[in-house]
Protein backbone atom coordinates (compact mmCIF):
# COMPACT_ATOMS: atom_id res chain seq x y z
CA MET A 1 0.00 0.00 0.00
CA PHE A 2 2.81 2.42 0.86
CA GLY A 3 5.34 1.07 -1.63
CA TRP A 4 5.86 4.54 -3.03
CA LEU A 5 7.18 5.69 0.37
CA THR A 6 9.71 2.89 0.36
CA GLU A 7 10.82 3.75 -3.17
CA ARG A 8 11.10 7.43 -2.28
CA ARG A 9 13.17 6.66 0.82
CA ARG A 10 15.45 4.33 -1.14
CA LYS A 11 15.92 6.89 -3.89
CA ARG A 12 17.06 9.42 -1.27
CA ILE A 13 19.47 6.87 0.21
CA LEU A 14 20.98 6.18 -3.21
CA GLU A 15 21.49 9.88 -3.90
CA GLU A 16 24.34 9.73 -1.39
CA PRO A 17 27.61 8.53 -2.96
CA PHE A 18 28.78 5.05 -2.05
CA PRO A 19 31.90 5.48 0.13
CA ASP A 20 35.19 4.35 -1.43
CA GLU A 21 36.06 2.69 1.88
CA TRP A 22 32.97 0.52 1.56
CA THR A 23 33.98 -0.56 -1.95
CA ALA A 24 37.39 -1.59 -0.57
CA ILE A 25 35.68 -3.56 2.21
CA LEU A 26 33.49 -5.41 -0.30
CA ALA A 27 36.51 -6.22 -2.48
CA LYS A 28 38.49 -7.47 0.53
CA ASN A 29 35.83 -9.35 2.54
CA VAL A 30 33.24 -10.53 -0.01
CA ALA A 31 35.22 -12.75 -2.38
CA ALA A 32 32.45 -13.03 -4.98
CA TYR A 33 32.38 -9.23 -5.39
CA ARG A 34 35.58 -9.38 -7.46
CA LEU A 35 33.98 -11.95 -9.77
CA LEU A 36 30.99 -9.77 -10.64
CA ASP A 37 30.91 -7.61 -13.75
CA THR A 38 30.77 -3.82 -13.41
CA ASP A 39 26.95 -3.60 -13.56
CA GLU A 40 26.52 -6.35 -10.98
CA GLN A 41 29.03 -4.67 -8.67
CA GLN A 42 27.12 -1.40 -8.98
CA ARG A 43 23.81 -3.12 -8.23
CA LEU A 44 25.33 -4.90 -5.22
CA ARG A 45 26.67 -1.58 -3.89
CA GLU A 46 23.18 -0.07 -4.22
CA LEU A 47 21.61 -3.00 -2.37
CA VAL A 48 24.25 -2.78 0.38
CA GLN A 49 23.72 0.95 0.79
CA VAL A 50 19.96 0.57 1.21
CA PHE A 51 20.28 -2.56 3.39
CA ILE A 52 22.61 -0.80 5.83
CA ALA A 53 20.39 2.28 6.00
CA GLU A 54 17.10 0.41 6.46
CA LYS A 55 18.04 -2.21 9.02
CA ASN A 56 18.55 -1.75 12.75
CA TRP A 57 22.06 -2.93 13.66
CA GLU A 58 22.90 -4.02 17.18
CA GLY A 59 26.24 -5.21 18.51
CA CYS A 60 25.85 -7.85 21.22
CA GLY A 61 28.19 -9.10 23.91
CA GLY A 62 30.06 -5.80 23.98
CA LEU A 63 30.76 -5.75 20.24
CA GLU A 64 31.14 -2.26 18.80
CA LEU A 65 29.87 -2.33 15.22
CA ASP A 66 31.89 -0.53 12.59
CA ASP A 67 31.55 -0.04 8.84
CA GLU A 68 33.66 -3.11 8.06
CA ILE A 69 31.27 -5.38 9.96
CA ARG A 70 28.12 -3.79 8.51
CA VAL A 71 29.36 -3.70 4.91
CA THR A 72 30.66 -7.28 5.06
CA ILE A 73 27.39 -8.65 6.44
CA ALA A 74 25.27 -6.55 4.07
CA GLY A 75 27.44 -7.57 1.11
CA CYS A 76 27.05 -11.27 1.86
CA ALA A 77 23.31 -10.92 2.44
CA CYS A 78 22.66 -8.85 -0.67
CA LEU A 79 24.78 -11.15 -2.82
CA MET A 80 22.10 -13.81 -2.24
CA ILE A 81 19.39 -11.62 -3.79
CA LEU A 82 21.44 -10.00 -6.55
CA GLY A 83 19.58 -10.39 -9.84
CA ARG A 84 16.41 -11.72 -8.21
CA ASN A 85 13.01 -10.24 -7.52
CA HIS A 86 13.08 -9.31 -3.85
CA ASP A 87 11.95 -6.84 -1.25
CA LEU A 88 15.38 -6.53 0.38
CA PHE A 89 14.71 -8.94 3.23
CA LYS A 90 11.52 -7.11 4.20
CA GLN A 91 10.86 -9.48 7.10
CA VAL A 92 14.27 -8.72 8.65
CA GLU A 93 14.07 -5.61 10.81
CA SER A 94 17.14 -5.96 13.02
CA LEU A 95 20.52 -7.64 12.86
CA LEU A 96 22.06 -8.83 16.10
CA VAL A 97 25.81 -9.21 15.62
CA TYR A 98 27.84 -11.18 18.16
CA PRO A 99 31.64 -11.08 18.53
CA SER A 100 31.87 -14.86 18.06
CA ALA A 101 29.73 -17.81 17.09
CA VAL A 102 26.61 -18.38 19.13
CA LEU A 103 25.22 -21.86 19.57
CA HIS A 104 21.58 -22.22 20.43
CA LYS A 105 21.09 -24.95 23.01
CA GLU A 106 18.00 -26.77 21.94
CA ARG A 107 16.24 -29.12 24.25
CA ARG A 108 15.39 -32.24 22.32
CA SER A 109 12.62 -34.65 23.06
CA HIS A 110 13.10 -38.36 23.61
CA PHE A 111 11.39 -38.99 20.30
CA ASP A 112 13.83 -36.84 18.31
CA PRO A 113 16.37 -39.00 16.44
């Protein structure tokens, strides 16, 4: 219903230039970025820019988030939807980033193999 608001907001986000530092981060930390052609790299940068701006980022366990962490995560996430019809992970509102791996302890039933 309010898709035009989303498009307007995204257009404003993309009016800002993509930082050169972010391009360097993508090239260094997202290996597939170097394999993309120029148009695909540009599209990925646009997706990353919007993804970072639209999502709520939260460092957990004392982690201080910086651009390298955000751009790397956004680059990997947006690589999965590059060239596909998508709504930029609409159902994802927040990203909780931990300083190390987190294992979820799941209680299993006796009937679970």
